[in-house]
């Protein structure tokens, strides 16, 4: 994403690529940080008091790392969810630390 600069002048972000990211909070699982079966952290979409998702636009070069998240389905999955829209329709996810070896070691030391 690279928005157009206003006609009135130059802005600091006019020449850099921007990214939109939403905040996900860690959900503690019965005295543990991870879900006991798989050992993965459970994340929930952070919300404002109004119910809107908390997100921010920032320069791409400030992104420190990617995170591979997997939708956390309940006992019953809604028929309307597909591979392309489940990221938008669900509120809970697993943080997949097994996706990449370097990510696994960095997340294992931090969380």
N, C-alpha and C. Protein backbone atom coordinates (compact mmCIF):
# COMPACT_ATOMS: atom_id res chain seq x y z
N UNK A 1 0.85 -1.17 0.00
CA UNK A 1 0.00 0.00 0.00
C UNK A 1 0.89 1.23 0.00
N UNK A 2 0.67 2.14 -0.90
CA UNK A 2 1.41 3.40 -0.93
C UNK A 2 0.42 4.50 -1.30
N UNK A 3 -0.10 5.23 -0.31
CA UNK A 3 -1.12 6.24 -0.58
C UNK A 3 -0.57 7.43 -1.34
N UNK A 4 -1.47 8.15 -1.99
CA UNK A 4 -1.09 9.35 -2.72
C UNK A 4 -0.81 10.49 -1.75
N UNK A 5 0.19 11.28 -2.08
CA UNK A 5 0.57 12.43 -1.27
C UNK A 5 -0.44 13.56 -1.49
N UNK A 6 -0.81 14.28 -0.43
CA UNK A 6 -1.72 15.42 -0.61
C UNK A 6 -1.12 16.48 -1.53
N UNK A 7 -1.96 17.22 -2.20
CA UNK A 7 -1.51 18.25 -3.14
C UNK A 7 -0.77 19.38 -2.45
N UNK A 8 -1.02 19.56 -1.16
CA UNK A 8 -0.46 20.71 -0.45
C UNK A 8 1.03 20.57 -0.14
N UNK A 9 1.62 19.42 -0.29
CA UNK A 9 3.04 19.32 0.00
C UNK A 9 3.52 17.91 0.25
N UNK A 10 4.74 17.81 0.73
CA UNK A 10 5.40 16.53 0.96
C UNK A 10 5.09 16.00 2.36
N UNK A 11 4.92 14.72 2.47
CA UNK A 11 4.73 14.07 3.77
C UNK A 11 5.84 13.04 3.96
N UNK A 12 6.22 12.73 5.19
CA UNK A 12 7.32 11.80 5.42
C UNK A 12 7.07 10.40 4.87
N UNK A 13 5.83 9.98 4.76
CA UNK A 13 5.52 8.63 4.30
C UNK A 13 5.25 8.55 2.80
N UNK A 14 5.41 9.64 2.07
CA UNK A 14 5.02 9.68 0.66
C UNK A 14 5.84 8.74 -0.21
N UNK A 15 7.07 8.46 0.16
CA UNK A 15 7.93 7.63 -0.70
C UNK A 15 8.14 6.22 -0.16
N UNK A 16 7.49 5.86 0.92
CA UNK A 16 7.70 4.51 1.46
C UNK A 16 6.41 3.69 1.37
N UNK A 17 6.60 2.39 1.32
CA UNK A 17 5.45 1.48 1.31
C UNK A 17 4.90 1.37 2.73
N UNK A 18 3.59 1.30 2.82
CA UNK A 18 2.93 1.21 4.13
C UNK A 18 2.23 -0.14 4.25
N UNK A 19 2.01 -0.56 5.48
CA UNK A 19 1.31 -1.82 5.75
C UNK A 19 0.26 -1.57 6.83
N UNK A 20 -0.86 -2.27 6.71
CA UNK A 20 -1.90 -2.22 7.74
C UNK A 20 -1.84 -3.54 8.50
N UNK A 21 -1.77 -3.47 9.82
CA UNK A 21 -1.75 -4.68 10.65
C UNK A 21 -2.73 -4.50 11.80
N UNK A 22 -3.36 -5.61 12.18
CA UNK A 22 -4.28 -5.59 13.31
C UNK A 22 -3.63 -6.24 14.51
N UNK A 23 -3.98 -5.75 15.67
CA UNK A 23 -3.41 -6.26 16.92
C UNK A 23 -4.14 -7.52 17.37
N UNK A 24 -3.35 -8.51 17.78
CA UNK A 24 -3.87 -9.74 18.36
C UNK A 24 -3.26 -9.89 19.74
N UNK A 25 -4.08 -10.18 20.74
CA UNK A 25 -3.62 -10.35 22.12
C UNK A 25 -3.51 -11.82 22.46
N UNK A 26 -2.56 -12.17 23.32
CA UNK A 26 -2.40 -13.55 23.80
C UNK A 26 -3.52 -13.85 24.80
N UNK A 27 -4.16 -15.00 24.63
CA UNK A 27 -5.21 -15.46 25.55
C UNK A 27 -4.62 -16.56 26.41
N UNK A 28 -4.57 -16.35 27.71
CA UNK A 28 -3.98 -17.34 28.61
C UNK A 28 -4.92 -18.53 28.78
N UNK A 29 -4.33 -19.72 28.82
CA UNK A 29 -5.07 -20.98 28.86
C UNK A 29 -4.88 -21.69 30.19
N UNK A 30 -5.78 -21.53 31.11
CA UNK A 30 -5.78 -22.24 32.39
C UNK A 30 -4.39 -22.29 33.04
N UNK A 31 -3.85 -21.12 33.33
CA UNK A 31 -2.57 -21.02 34.02
C UNK A 31 -1.36 -21.20 33.14
N UNK A 32 -1.55 -21.27 31.83
CA UNK A 32 -0.43 -21.45 30.91
C UNK A 32 -0.57 -20.44 29.78
N UNK A 33 0.54 -20.16 29.11
CA UNK A 33 0.49 -19.26 27.97
C UNK A 33 0.11 -19.99 26.69
N UNK A 34 0.20 -21.32 26.69
CA UNK A 34 -0.06 -22.08 25.47
C UNK A 34 -1.23 -23.04 25.65
N UNK A 35 -1.81 -23.40 24.53
CA UNK A 35 -2.88 -24.39 24.50
C UNK A 35 -2.23 -25.75 24.77
N UNK A 36 -2.73 -26.53 25.73
CA UNK A 36 -2.01 -27.72 26.19
C UNK A 36 -1.83 -28.82 25.15
N UNK A 37 -2.73 -28.99 24.21
CA UNK A 37 -2.63 -30.09 23.25
C UNK A 37 -1.51 -29.87 22.25
N UNK A 38 -1.43 -28.68 21.67
CA UNK A 38 -0.45 -28.42 20.61
C UNK A 38 0.72 -27.56 21.06
N UNK A 39 0.62 -26.93 22.20
CA UNK A 39 1.69 -26.06 22.67
C UNK A 39 1.76 -24.74 21.92
N UNK A 40 0.66 -24.33 21.30
CA UNK A 40 0.63 -23.07 20.55
C UNK A 40 -0.06 -21.99 21.36
N UNK A 41 0.38 -20.75 21.19
CA UNK A 41 -0.27 -19.62 21.83
C UNK A 41 -1.61 -19.35 21.14
N UNK A 42 -2.61 -19.03 21.94
CA UNK A 42 -3.92 -18.66 21.41
C UNK A 42 -3.99 -17.14 21.38
N UNK A 43 -4.41 -16.60 20.24
CA UNK A 43 -4.51 -15.16 20.05
C UNK A 43 -5.96 -14.77 19.80
N UNK A 44 -6.32 -13.58 20.26
CA UNK A 44 -7.67 -13.05 20.02
C UNK A 44 -7.52 -11.65 19.44
N UNK A 45 -8.37 -11.37 18.47
CA UNK A 45 -8.38 -10.05 17.85
C UNK A 45 -8.69 -8.98 18.90
N UNK A 46 -7.83 -7.97 19.02
CA UNK A 46 -8.03 -6.89 20.00
C UNK A 46 -9.11 -5.94 19.49
N UNK A 47 -9.95 -5.47 20.41
CA UNK A 47 -11.07 -4.60 20.05
C UNK A 47 -11.03 -3.31 20.85
N UNK A 48 -11.51 -2.24 20.25
CA UNK A 48 -11.73 -0.99 20.96
C UNK A 48 -13.02 -1.12 21.78
N UNK A 49 -13.27 -0.16 22.66
CA UNK A 49 -14.50 -0.18 23.46
C UNK A 49 -15.73 -0.15 22.56
N UNK A 50 -15.60 0.43 21.38
CA UNK A 50 -16.73 0.50 20.43
C UNK A 50 -16.95 -0.81 19.69
N UNK A 51 -16.04 -1.77 19.84
CA UNK A 51 -16.16 -3.05 19.15
C UNK A 51 -15.36 -3.13 17.86
N UNK A 52 -14.73 -2.03 17.45
CA UNK A 52 -13.91 -2.03 16.23
C UNK A 52 -12.58 -2.72 16.50
N UNK A 53 -12.03 -3.35 15.46
CA UNK A 53 -10.71 -3.96 15.57
C UNK A 53 -9.65 -2.88 15.75
N UNK A 54 -8.62 -3.19 16.54
CA UNK A 54 -7.50 -2.27 16.72
C UNK A 54 -6.47 -2.57 15.64
N UNK A 55 -6.21 -1.61 14.80
CA UNK A 55 -5.25 -1.76 13.71
C UNK A 55 -4.49 -0.47 13.51
N UNK A 56 -3.41 -0.56 12.75
CA UNK A 56 -2.58 0.62 12.53
C UNK A 56 -1.89 0.51 11.18
N UNK A 57 -1.67 1.65 10.56
CA UNK A 57 -0.90 1.74 9.32
C UNK A 57 0.47 2.28 9.69
N UNK A 58 1.53 1.61 9.22
CA UNK A 58 2.88 2.06 9.52
C UNK A 58 3.81 1.69 8.36
N UNK A 59 5.01 2.30 8.29
CA UNK A 59 5.94 2.00 7.21
C UNK A 59 6.38 0.53 7.24
N UNK A 60 6.46 -0.07 6.07
CA UNK A 60 6.82 -1.47 5.95
C UNK A 60 8.20 -1.76 6.54
N UNK A 61 9.12 -0.81 6.47
CA UNK A 61 10.47 -1.05 7.00
C UNK A 61 10.50 -1.11 8.53
N UNK A 62 9.39 -0.78 9.20
CA UNK A 62 9.32 -0.92 10.66
C UNK A 62 8.80 -2.29 11.09
N UNK A 63 8.42 -3.11 10.14
CA UNK A 63 7.94 -4.46 10.45
C UNK A 63 9.13 -5.31 10.85
N UNK A 64 9.07 -5.90 12.05
CA UNK A 64 10.20 -6.67 12.57
C UNK A 64 10.17 -8.12 12.16
N UNK A 65 8.99 -8.70 12.05
CA UNK A 65 8.87 -10.11 11.70
C UNK A 65 7.44 -10.39 11.26
N UNK A 66 7.28 -11.41 10.47
CA UNK A 66 5.95 -11.89 10.13
C UNK A 66 5.51 -12.87 11.21
N UNK A 67 4.25 -13.15 11.26
CA UNK A 67 3.72 -14.16 12.17
C UNK A 67 2.71 -15.01 11.40
N UNK A 68 2.86 -16.31 11.47
CA UNK A 68 1.94 -17.23 10.80
C UNK A 68 0.83 -17.58 11.77
N UNK A 69 -0.38 -17.16 11.46
CA UNK A 69 -1.51 -17.46 12.33
C UNK A 69 -2.44 -18.44 11.63
N UNK A 70 -3.05 -19.31 12.44
CA UNK A 70 -3.96 -20.34 11.94
C UNK A 70 -5.31 -20.11 12.61
N UNK A 71 -6.39 -20.09 11.85
CA UNK A 71 -7.71 -19.91 12.47
C UNK A 71 -7.98 -20.98 13.52
N UNK A 72 -8.57 -20.57 14.62
CA UNK A 72 -8.96 -21.50 15.68
C UNK A 72 -10.47 -21.71 15.57
N UNK A 73 -10.84 -22.84 15.00
CA UNK A 73 -12.25 -23.16 14.82
C UNK A 73 -12.79 -23.78 16.10
N UNK A 74 -14.06 -23.60 16.34
CA UNK A 74 -14.72 -24.23 17.48
C UNK A 74 -15.19 -25.63 17.11
N UNK A 75 -16.11 -26.16 17.88
CA UNK A 75 -16.65 -27.50 17.59
C UNK A 75 -17.44 -27.52 16.29
N UNK A 76 -18.09 -26.42 15.98
CA UNK A 76 -18.87 -26.32 14.75
C UNK A 76 -18.32 -25.16 13.93
N UNK A 77 -18.11 -25.41 12.64
CA UNK A 77 -17.59 -24.37 11.74
C UNK A 77 -18.73 -23.86 10.88
N UNK A 78 -18.85 -22.55 10.79
CA UNK A 78 -19.90 -21.96 9.97
C UNK A 78 -19.67 -22.29 8.50
N UNK A 79 -20.75 -22.59 7.78
CA UNK A 79 -20.66 -22.95 6.37
C UNK A 79 -20.17 -21.80 5.49
N UNK A 80 -20.34 -20.57 5.95
CA UNK A 80 -19.94 -19.43 5.13
C UNK A 80 -18.42 -19.21 5.11
N UNK A 81 -17.68 -19.85 6.01
CA UNK A 81 -16.23 -19.66 6.05
C UNK A 81 -15.54 -20.46 4.96
N UNK A 82 -14.60 -19.81 4.29
CA UNK A 82 -13.79 -20.47 3.25
C UNK A 82 -12.32 -20.19 3.53
N UNK A 83 -11.45 -20.75 2.70
CA UNK A 83 -10.01 -20.50 2.87
C UNK A 83 -9.66 -19.04 2.65
N UNK A 84 -10.47 -18.31 1.92
CA UNK A 84 -10.13 -16.91 1.63
C UNK A 84 -10.78 -15.90 2.58
N UNK A 85 -11.80 -16.30 3.36
CA UNK A 85 -12.43 -15.31 4.24
C UNK A 85 -12.37 -15.66 5.72
N UNK A 86 -11.81 -16.80 6.09
CA UNK A 86 -11.81 -17.20 7.50
C UNK A 86 -10.97 -16.26 8.36
N UNK A 87 -9.97 -15.62 7.79
CA UNK A 87 -9.14 -14.69 8.55
C UNK A 87 -9.96 -13.47 8.99
N UNK A 88 -10.98 -13.13 8.22
CA UNK A 88 -11.82 -11.98 8.54
C UNK A 88 -13.03 -12.35 9.40
N UNK A 89 -13.50 -13.58 9.30
CA UNK A 89 -14.71 -13.98 9.99
C UNK A 89 -14.50 -14.53 11.39
N UNK A 90 -13.28 -14.81 11.76
CA UNK A 90 -13.00 -15.41 13.07
C UNK A 90 -12.30 -14.41 13.98
N UNK A 91 -12.40 -14.64 15.28
CA UNK A 91 -11.78 -13.77 16.27
C UNK A 91 -10.58 -14.41 16.96
N UNK A 92 -10.48 -15.74 16.93
CA UNK A 92 -9.43 -16.45 17.65
C UNK A 92 -8.53 -17.21 16.68
N UNK A 93 -7.23 -17.22 17.00
CA UNK A 93 -6.24 -17.84 16.13
C UNK A 93 -5.18 -18.54 16.97
N UNK A 94 -4.44 -19.43 16.34
CA UNK A 94 -3.24 -20.01 16.94
C UNK A 94 -2.04 -19.31 16.32
N UNK A 95 -1.01 -19.04 17.11
CA UNK A 95 0.26 -18.54 16.61
C UNK A 95 1.10 -19.76 16.27
N UNK A 96 1.32 -20.01 14.99
CA UNK A 96 2.01 -21.21 14.55
C UNK A 96 3.52 -21.02 14.64
N UNK A 97 4.09 -21.41 15.76
CA UNK A 97 5.54 -21.25 15.95
C UNK A 97 6.33 -22.31 15.20
N UNK A 98 5.69 -23.34 14.68
CA UNK A 98 6.37 -24.40 13.96
C UNK A 98 6.53 -24.10 12.47
N UNK A 99 6.02 -22.97 12.01
CA UNK A 99 6.03 -22.61 10.60
C UNK A 99 7.44 -22.40 10.05
N UNK A 100 8.31 -21.83 10.86
CA UNK A 100 9.66 -21.48 10.41
C UNK A 100 10.64 -21.72 11.56
N UNK A 101 11.78 -22.32 11.26
CA UNK A 101 12.75 -22.66 12.30
C UNK A 101 13.24 -21.41 13.05
N UNK A 102 13.59 -20.35 12.34
CA UNK A 102 14.09 -19.14 12.99
C UNK A 102 13.00 -18.48 13.84
N UNK A 103 11.77 -18.47 13.34
CA UNK A 103 10.65 -17.91 14.10
C UNK A 103 10.41 -18.75 15.36
N UNK A 104 10.51 -20.07 15.25
CA UNK A 104 10.31 -20.96 16.39
C UNK A 104 11.29 -20.62 17.51
N UNK A 105 12.57 -20.48 17.17
CA UNK A 105 13.57 -20.19 18.20
C UNK A 105 13.38 -18.79 18.80
N UNK A 106 13.02 -17.82 17.97
CA UNK A 106 12.85 -16.46 18.51
C UNK A 106 11.61 -16.37 19.39
N UNK A 107 10.52 -17.01 19.01
CA UNK A 107 9.29 -16.93 19.81
C UNK A 107 9.41 -17.79 21.06
N UNK A 108 10.17 -18.85 21.02
CA UNK A 108 10.33 -19.72 22.19
C UNK A 108 11.10 -19.00 23.30
N UNK A 109 12.00 -18.10 22.92
CA UNK A 109 12.77 -17.34 23.92
C UNK A 109 11.99 -16.17 24.48
N UNK A 110 11.08 -15.59 23.69
CA UNK A 110 10.38 -14.37 24.09
C UNK A 110 9.15 -14.66 24.93
N UNK A 111 8.29 -15.56 24.46
CA UNK A 111 7.01 -15.80 25.14
C UNK A 111 7.11 -16.91 26.15
